[in-house]
Amino acid sequence: MSFDFDTIHPRLGTGSTKWNRYPQDVLPMWIADMDIAAPPAVLQALHARLDQQILGYSVAGPDVREAIVADLWAKYAWRVAPEELLFLPGVEPGFNMALHAFVKPGQPVVLQTPNYRPIRLAPGHWNLPRIEVPFEWVDGEYLTPLPAMRQALTGAGALLLSNPHNPIGKVFPREELLAIANACLQNGALIISDEIHAQLCFDGRRHIPTATLSAEIAQRTITLMSASKAYNVAGLKTCFAVVQNAEVRERFNNARCGMVDSVSPLGLEATRAAYSQCGEWLEALVQYLQANRDYLLNAVQTRLPGVVMQAPQGTFLAWLDCSALGLDDPQQFFLEQAKVGLSAGIEFGDDSQQYVRLNFGCPRAMLEEGLQRMERSLQNR
């Protein structure tokens, strides 16, 4: 079966966060929101749900839970019980709930840098100290400096983990992930694992959910997942937490505190359809995104002198090093001179302000348009 990822769907005037941020002459390639239509089966399921004509408060029924449970088993051989799933309106509320519920005042929260901005900001919402452990660049790969990680975790309340990692696109291998998780266990730190990009891995890599490493690790892990990135339904505000320790699950769920509500009926229906009906579509999408990544990598190397890109192992996000360009602010340069809206590296903890993040989750023609604009801006300096 063939799927269409090349059609450009106009989004101006739709209330899109991505397309409303900048003037209309700017091509937005910043927020992690693909310019690719949701799967046909998801759209059909949403139409069918709308035909019911009533959109009242909803709970996740057995069909939604069973679809997720089956998917987790099929993809990761992860045996999860339906009652071990908690539904939330987003991953961000999830890791904030976890910090509020489990980290004591004064206990540090550890995270790796660069990192997704809401993860970096989350400890501050609860007046918790933040310890950042920068990745090390070793032999062409970002690696966790394990001695520094172990030291940071001493006395820490939690580790906020991003896997696959945003923005560097790292898919953690088992040995490295296990060393990190064991360091958390040794120090009594809860593992809060943001795995929202889990289904988007390239070059034959397989995502490893942190909680699958061992039964002991599973008991100290809150895993946050969603159909939102892989199936491009982020606006439906639906995610789920896998919490296999019953005591931890109850405490985590009680941390809603009247701030984190239930999710929408449309989000639940999209989640059910995505996990139960869209396997072939997802496989085709990953191939398309991998081809986009390779196209972008080649273009950066041949057409954007001074820009360095390491091929992401997953996600649809590229972390571009612009330090050789000699610009004070590369994000602002490309915005003003190329009319391309990228994410500024400083949002992810890049103190050098020489990195930008580019979203290549779009039709190839749109990616090429962005590259042409960036290329011309460098030629005209």
Protein backbone atom coordinates (compact mmCIF):
# COMPACT_ATOMS: atom_id res chain seq x y z
CA MET A 1 0.00 0.00 0.00
CA SER A 2 1.33 3.45 -0.92
CA PHE A 3 0.83 6.59 1.15
CA ASP A 4 1.07 10.24 0.20
CA PHE A 5 3.63 12.21 2.17
CA ASP A 6 4.44 14.66 -0.63
CA THR A 7 1.25 16.73 -0.76
CA ILE A 8 1.64 20.14 0.84
CA HIS A 9 -1.39 20.98 2.96
CA PRO A 10 -1.76 24.76 3.46
CA ARG A 11 -1.91 25.57 7.17
CA LEU A 12 -2.07 29.34 7.20
CA GLY A 13 -5.35 30.47 8.68
CA THR A 14 -5.91 27.20 10.55
CA GLY A 15 -4.76 28.46 13.94
CA SER A 16 -1.54 26.44 13.65
CA THR A 17 1.02 27.33 16.31
CA LYS A 18 3.77 26.47 13.88
CA TRP A 19 2.51 28.68 11.06
CA ASN A 20 1.22 31.57 13.19
CA ARG A 21 4.47 32.41 14.96
CA TYR A 22 6.11 34.28 12.07
CA PRO A 23 4.98 36.51 9.19
CA GLN A 24 3.52 34.71 6.19
CA ASP A 25 6.72 35.01 4.13
CA VAL A 26 8.63 32.88 6.68
CA LEU A 27 8.81 29.10 6.20
CA PRO A 28 8.41 27.64 9.72
CA MET A 29 10.66 24.67 10.48
CA TRP A 30 10.85 24.99 14.24
CA ILE A 31 8.29 23.28 16.53
CA ALA A 32 8.09 19.45 16.52
CA ASP A 33 4.90 19.32 14.46
CA MET A 34 5.02 17.61 11.05
CA ASP A 35 3.55 19.16 7.91
CA ILE A 36 2.32 15.71 6.92
CA ALA A 37 -1.32 14.64 7.09
CA ALA A 38 -2.39 12.28 9.83
CA PRO A 39 -2.93 8.65 8.74
CA PRO A 40 -6.08 7.99 6.69
CA ALA A 41 -7.29 5.43 9.23
CA VAL A 42 -7.02 8.01 12.02
CA LEU A 43 -8.92 10.61 10.02
CA GLN A 44 -11.63 8.07 9.18
CA ALA A 45 -11.95 7.10 12.84
CA LEU A 46 -12.30 10.76 13.81
CA HIS A 47 -15.03 11.31 11.19
CA ALA A 48 -16.88 8.27 12.51
CA ARG A 49 -16.60 9.54 16.08
CA LEU A 50 -17.92 12.97 15.04
CA ASP A 51 -20.91 11.27 13.43
CA GLN A 52 -21.99 10.32 16.96
CA GLN A 53 -22.62 14.07 17.37
CA ILE A 54 -21.99 14.17 21.13
CA LEU A 55 -18.54 15.02 22.47
CA GLY A 56 -18.90 14.74 26.22
CA TYR A 57 -16.32 13.98 28.89
CA SER A 58 -14.65 10.68 28.06
CA VAL A 59 -12.59 7.94 29.62
CA ALA A 60 -10.22 5.50 27.95
CA GLY A 61 -12.22 2.36 27.31
CA PRO A 62 -10.94 -1.19 26.93
CA ASP A 63 -10.48 -0.77 23.15
CA VAL A 64 -7.99 2.08 23.57
CA ARG A 65 -6.09 0.33 26.33
CA GLU A 66 -5.96 -2.97 24.46
CA ALA A 67 -4.66 -1.26 21.30
CA ILE A 68 -1.78 0.29 23.27
CA VAL A 69 -1.02 -2.88 25.19
CA ALA A 70 -0.88 -4.89 21.95
CA ASP A 71 1.36 -2.30 20.31
CA LEU A 72 3.81 -2.23 23.22
CA TRP A 73 4.06 -6.00 23.11
CA ALA A 74 4.44 -6.17 19.32
CA LYS A 75 7.11 -3.46 19.10
CA TYR A 76 9.08 -3.93 22.31
CA ALA A 77 8.00 -7.29 23.81
CA TRP A 78 6.86 -5.17 26.74
CA ARG A 79 4.09 -6.81 28.74
CA VAL A 80 1.90 -4.03 30.16
CA ALA A 81 -1.45 -4.52 31.86
CA PRO A 82 -4.34 -2.25 30.75
CA GLU A 83 -4.71 -0.83 34.26
CA GLU A 84 -1.05 0.28 34.22
CA LEU A 85 -1.91 3.02 31.72
CA LEU A 86 -2.86 6.53 32.81
CA PHE A 87 -4.12 9.06 30.26
CA LEU A 88 -3.02 12.69 30.27
CA PRO A 89 -3.36 15.71 27.98
CA GLY A 90 0.38 15.73 27.27
CA VAL A 91 3.85 14.52 28.14
CA GLU A 92 4.74 17.90 29.66
CA PRO A 93 1.97 17.72 32.30
CA GLY A 94 3.15 14.16 32.93
CA PHE A 95 6.72 14.93 33.88
CA ASN A 96 5.64 17.94 35.91
CA MET A 97 3.12 15.78 37.79
CA ALA A 98 5.88 13.28 38.53
CA LEU A 99 8.26 15.92 39.88
CA HIS A 100 5.51 17.37 42.08
CA ALA A 101 4.54 13.96 43.42
CA PHE A 102 7.92 12.39 44.11
CA VAL A 103 10.76 14.90 44.44
CA LYS A 104 11.23 16.40 47.89
CA PRO A 105 11.99 20.10 48.39
CA GLY A 106 15.69 20.73 47.86
CA GLN A 107 16.32 17.48 46.01
CA PRO A 108 18.00 18.01 42.63
CA VAL A 109 16.55 16.89 39.32
CA VAL A 110 19.07 15.63 36.78
CA LEU A 111 18.81 15.99 33.01
CA GLN A 112 21.12 15.85 30.02
CA THR A 113 21.92 18.81 27.79
CA PRO A 114 21.09 20.00 25.27
CA ASN A 115 17.47 19.10 26.01
CA TYR A 116 13.86 19.88 25.22
CA ARG A 117 13.03 23.27 26.74
CA PRO A 118 9.99 22.17 28.83
CA ILE A 119 12.15 19.43 30.39
CA ARG A 120 14.83 21.97 31.29
CA LEU A 121 12.26 24.32 32.79
CA ALA A 122 10.24 21.71 34.70
CA PRO A 123 12.34 21.57 37.91
CA GLY A 124 12.02 25.33 38.28
CA HIS A 125 8.23 25.10 38.32
CA TRP A 126 8.53 23.29 41.67
CA ASN A 127 11.53 25.27 42.99
CA LEU A 128 13.76 22.23 42.60
CA PRO A 129 17.49 22.47 41.86
CA ARG A 130 18.48 21.38 38.34
CA ILE A 131 21.69 19.55 37.55
CA GLU A 132 22.62 19.40 33.86
CA VAL A 133 24.91 16.69 32.52
CA PRO A 134 26.18 17.64 29.05
CA PHE A 135 26.59 14.94 26.45
CA GLU A 136 30.15 14.22 25.31
CA TRP A 137 31.06 14.06 21.63
CA VAL A 138 33.17 10.91 21.19
CA ASP A 139 34.12 9.30 17.87
CA GLY A 140 31.22 10.85 15.99
CA GLU A 141 28.53 10.14 18.56
CA TYR A 142 26.89 11.81 21.54
CA LEU A 143 27.57 9.74 24.67
CA THR A 144 26.54 10.02 28.30
CA PRO A 145 29.55 10.72 30.55
CA LEU A 146 28.69 8.04 33.09
CA PRO A 147 31.00 9.22 35.93
CA ALA A 148 29.45 12.70 35.71
CA MET A 149 25.96 11.18 35.56
CA ARG A 150 26.57 9.04 38.65
CA GLN A 151 27.92 12.04 40.54
CA ALA A 152 24.96 14.20 39.53
CA LEU A 153 22.50 11.54 40.67
CA THR A 154 23.94 11.41 44.19
CA GLY A 155 21.10 12.62 46.37
CA ALA A 156 18.92 13.45 43.37
CA GLY A 157 15.17 12.93 43.40
CA ALA A 158 14.68 12.14 39.73
CA LEU A 159 16.21 11.88 36.30
CA LEU A 160 14.31 13.47 33.41
CA LEU A 161 15.25 11.34 30.41
CA SER A 162 14.49 12.02 26.75
CA ASN A 163 14.71 8.90 24.56
CA PRO A 164 14.84 9.18 21.56
CA HIS A 165 16.50 12.41 22.48
CA ASN A 166 15.26 15.85 21.53
CA PRO A 167 17.08 17.76 20.02
CA ILE A 168 20.10 15.57 19.12
CA GLY A 169 18.08 12.62 17.82
CA LYS A 170 19.98 10.04 19.85
CA VAL A 171 18.43 6.58 20.24
CA PHE A 172 19.97 5.19 23.41
CA PRO A 173 21.60 1.74 23.03
CA ARG A 174 20.83 -0.85 25.69
CA GLU A 175 24.22 -0.78 27.46
CA GLU A 176 24.23 3.00 27.90
CA LEU A 177 20.57 3.13 28.92
CA LEU A 178 21.09 0.32 31.43
CA ALA A 179 24.08 2.10 33.00
CA ILE A 180 22.03 5.28 33.40
CA ALA A 181 19.05 3.42 34.87
CA ASN A 182 21.21 1.45 37.30
CA ALA A 183 22.82 4.68 38.49
CA CYS A 184 19.30 5.97 39.24
CA LEU A 185 18.46 2.82 41.20
CA GLN A 186 21.69 3.02 43.20
CA ASN A 187 20.86 6.58 44.22
CA GLY A 188 17.13 6.13 44.75
CA ALA A 189 16.24 8.52 41.92
CA LEU A 190 12.96 8.10 40.07
CA ILE A 191 13.27 7.70 36.29
CA ILE A 192 10.85 9.89 34.34
CA SER A 193 11.28 8.80 30.75
CA ASP A 194 9.89 10.95 27.92
CA GLU A 195 9.58 8.47 25.03
CA ILE A 196 7.27 10.49 22.80
CA HIS A 197 9.44 9.88 19.69
CA ALA A 198 9.77 6.14 20.40
CA GLN A 199 8.31 5.01 17.08
CA LEU A 200 10.60 7.16 14.93
CA CYS A 201 13.97 5.38 14.75
CA PHE A 202 16.20 5.14 11.67
CA ASP A 203 18.70 2.75 10.08
CA GLY A 204 17.09 -0.32 11.59
CA ARG A 205 17.47 0.88 15.18
CA ARG A 206 14.89 -0.23 17.71
CA HIS A 207 13.71 1.92 20.58
CA ILE A 208 14.24 0.39 24.02
CA PRO A 209 11.72 1.54 26.62
CA THR A 210 13.62 2.23 29.84
CA ALA A 211 11.15 0.19 31.88
CA THR A 212 11.89 -2.95 29.86
CA LEU A 213 15.51 -3.14 31.06
CA SER A 214 14.62 -5.05 34.24
CA ALA A 215 11.74 -5.64 36.62
CA GLU A 216 13.50 -3.54 39.27
CA ILE A 217 13.94 -0.62 36.87
CA ALA A 218 10.29 -0.88 35.81
CA GLN A 219 9.23 -0.38 39.43
CA ARG A 220 11.09 2.96 39.55
CA THR A 221 10.12 4.30 36.12
CA ILE A 222 7.31 6.47 34.82
CA THR A 223 7.20 6.20 31.03
CA LEU A 224 5.47 8.89 28.98
CA MET A 225 4.36 8.04 25.43
CA SER A 226 1.92 9.33 22.84
CA ALA A 227 0.72 8.89 19.28
CA SER A 228 1.18 12.62 18.83
CA LYS A 229 4.60 12.74 17.12
CA ALA A 230 4.66 9.60 14.99
CA TYR A 231 1.08 9.99 13.76
CA ASN A 232 1.02 13.81 13.83
CA VAL A 233 -1.98 14.26 16.11
CA ALA A 234 -0.31 16.49 18.72
CA GLY A 235 -3.17 18.99 18.68
CA LEU A 236 -5.52 16.35 20.09
CA LYS A 237 -3.63 16.57 23.39
CA THR A 238 -3.52 12.93 24.39
CA CYS A 239 -0.69 10.94 25.92
CA PHE A 240 -0.39 8.02 28.27
CA ALA A 241 1.89 7.12 31.14
CA VAL A 242 2.95 3.54 31.77
CA VAL A 243 3.42 3.07 35.52
CA GLN A 244 3.83 -0.56 36.55
CA ASN A 245 4.34 -0.01 40.27
CA ALA A 246 0.83 0.25 41.74
CA GLU A 247 1.88 2.51 44.64
CA VAL A 248 3.79 4.83 42.32
CA ARG A 249 0.85 4.84 39.90
CA GLU A 250 -1.64 5.91 42.57
CA ARG A 251 0.65 8.62 43.90
CA PHE A 252 1.38 9.88 40.39
CA ASN A 253 -2.30 9.96 39.44
CA ASN A 254 -3.15 11.88 42.64
CA ALA A 255 -0.68 14.59 41.59
CA ARG A 256 -3.16 15.92 39.03
CA CYS A 257 -4.21 18.35 41.79
CA GLY A 258 -7.09 19.73 39.76
CA MET A 259 -4.65 21.07 37.15
CA VAL A 260 -4.24 18.08 34.81
CA ASP A 261 -7.59 17.05 33.40
CA SER A 262 -8.83 14.09 31.38
CA VAL A 263 -8.32 13.90 27.62
CA SER A 264 -10.70 14.46 24.76
CA PRO A 265 -12.83 11.79 23.07
CA LEU A 266 -11.19 12.65 19.75
CA GLY A 267 -7.73 12.19 21.21
CA LEU A 268 -8.67 8.80 22.59
CA GLU A 269 -10.18 7.71 19.28
CA ALA A 270 -7.12 8.88 17.34
CA THR A 271 -4.87 6.98 19.74
CA ARG A 272 -6.88 3.79 19.35
CA ALA A 273 -6.85 3.98 15.56
CA ALA A 274 -3.16 4.90 15.38
CA TYR A 275 -1.99 1.95 17.44
CA SER A 276 -4.39 -0.62 16.00
CA GLN A 277 -4.70 0.30 12.31
CA CYS A 278 -1.69 2.31 11.13
CA GLY A 279 1.26 -0.06 11.19
CA GLU A 280 1.92 0.05 7.44
CA TRP A 281 1.49 3.82 7.36
CA LEU A 282 4.03 4.26 10.17
CA GLU A 283 6.55 2.00 8.45
CA ALA A 284 6.23 4.04 5.26
CA LEU A 285 6.52 7.31 7.20
CA VAL A 286 9.75 6.24 8.92
CA GLN A 287 11.23 5.40 5.52
CA TYR A 288 10.17 8.80 4.19
CA LEU A 289 11.61 10.66 7.18
CA GLN A 290 14.86 8.72 6.95
CA ALA A 291 15.13 9.68 3.28
CA ASN A 292 14.44 13.32 4.25
CA ARG A 293 17.17 13.10 6.88
CA ASP A 294 19.66 11.74 4.34
CA TYR A 295 18.68 14.40 1.80
CA LEU A 296 19.13 17.11 4.43
CA LEU A 297 22.48 15.70 5.56
CA ASN A 298 23.81 15.70 2.01
CA ALA A 299 22.51 19.22 1.40
CA VAL A 300 24.11 20.57 4.57
CA GLN A 301 27.44 19.03 3.63
CA THR A 302 27.42 20.28 0.04
CA ARG A 303 25.34 23.45 0.03
CA LEU A 304 25.59 25.06 3.46
CA PRO A 305 29.31 25.68 4.07
CA GLY A 306 30.04 26.32 7.72
CA VAL A 307 27.03 24.34 8.97
CA VAL A 308 27.66 20.93 10.54
CA MET A 309 25.00 18.26 11.01
CA GLN A 310 25.29 14.89 12.69
CA ALA A 311 22.72 12.43 11.36
CA PRO A 312 19.96 11.97 13.95
CA GLN A 313 19.25 8.35 14.81
CA GLY A 314 15.58 9.08 15.39
CA THR A 315 12.90 11.82 15.59
CA PHE A 316 12.39 14.27 12.69
CA LEU A 317 14.65 16.93 14.18
CA ALA A 318 18.15 17.99 13.11
CA TRP A 319 20.60 19.72 15.47
CA LEU A 320 22.73 22.03 13.33
CA ASP A 321 26.07 23.47 14.48
CA CYS A 322 26.54 26.92 12.95
CA SER A 323 29.58 27.99 14.96
CA ALA A 324 31.86 28.10 11.89
CA LEU A 325 29.61 30.74 10.32
CA GLY A 326 30.80 33.40 12.74
CA LEU A 327 27.29 34.70 13.44
CA ASP A 328 26.16 36.27 16.68
CA ASP A 329 22.77 34.57 16.38
CA PRO A 330 22.29 32.00 13.59
CA GLN A 331 18.58 31.56 14.36
CA GLN A 332 18.00 35.27 13.86
CA PHE A 333 20.20 35.33 10.75
CA PHE A 334 18.22 32.58 9.01
CA LEU A 335 14.96 34.15 10.10
CA GLU A 336 15.82 37.57 8.71
CA GLN A 337 17.95 36.68 5.70
CA ALA A 338 16.51 33.32 4.61
CA LYS A 339 12.96 33.71 5.90
CA VAL A 340 13.23 30.29 7.56
CA GLY A 341 12.03 29.92 11.13
CA LEU A 342 14.25 27.55 13.14
CA SER A 343 14.43 26.84 16.87
CA ALA A 344 17.25 28.67 18.65
CA GLY A 345 19.81 26.47 20.39
CA ILE A 346 19.70 28.52 23.56
CA GLU A 347 16.19 27.17 24.20
CA PHE A 348 17.78 23.72 24.64
CA GLY A 349 20.64 24.87 26.86
CA ASP A 350 23.16 25.77 24.16
CA ASP A 351 24.96 28.61 25.93
CA SER A 352 27.14 29.21 22.87
CA GLN A 353 24.00 30.18 20.94
CA GLN A 354 25.55 28.62 17.84
CA TYR A 355 23.09 25.77 17.29
CA VAL A 356 19.67 25.70 15.67
CA ARG A 357 17.12 22.90 15.43
CA LEU A 358 15.44 22.16 12.11
CA ASN A 359 12.26 20.10 11.66
CA PHE A 360 12.50 17.89 8.55
CA GLY A 361 9.11 16.26 9.14
CA CYS A 362 7.56 17.73 6.01
CA PRO A 363 7.04 17.03 2.30
CA ARG A 364 10.33 16.89 0.40
CA ALA A 365 9.46 19.97 -1.67
CA MET A 366 9.01 22.00 1.52
CA LEU A 367 12.35 20.77 2.86
CA GLU A 368 14.03 21.72 -0.42
CA GLU A 369 12.45 25.17 -0.29
CA GLY A 370 13.89 25.73 3.17
CA LEU A 371 17.33 24.55 2.04
CA GLN A 372 17.28 26.80 -1.00
CA ARG A 373 16.44 29.79 1.16
CA MET A 374 19.22 28.99 3.63
CA GLU A 375 21.71 28.40 0.81
CA ARG A 376 20.91 31.74 -0.82
CA SER A 377 21.19 33.57 2.49
CA LEU A 378 24.74 32.23 2.98
CA GLN A 379 25.71 33.02 -0.60
CA ASN A 380 24.49 36.62 -0.18
CA ARG A 381 26.33 37.34 3.09
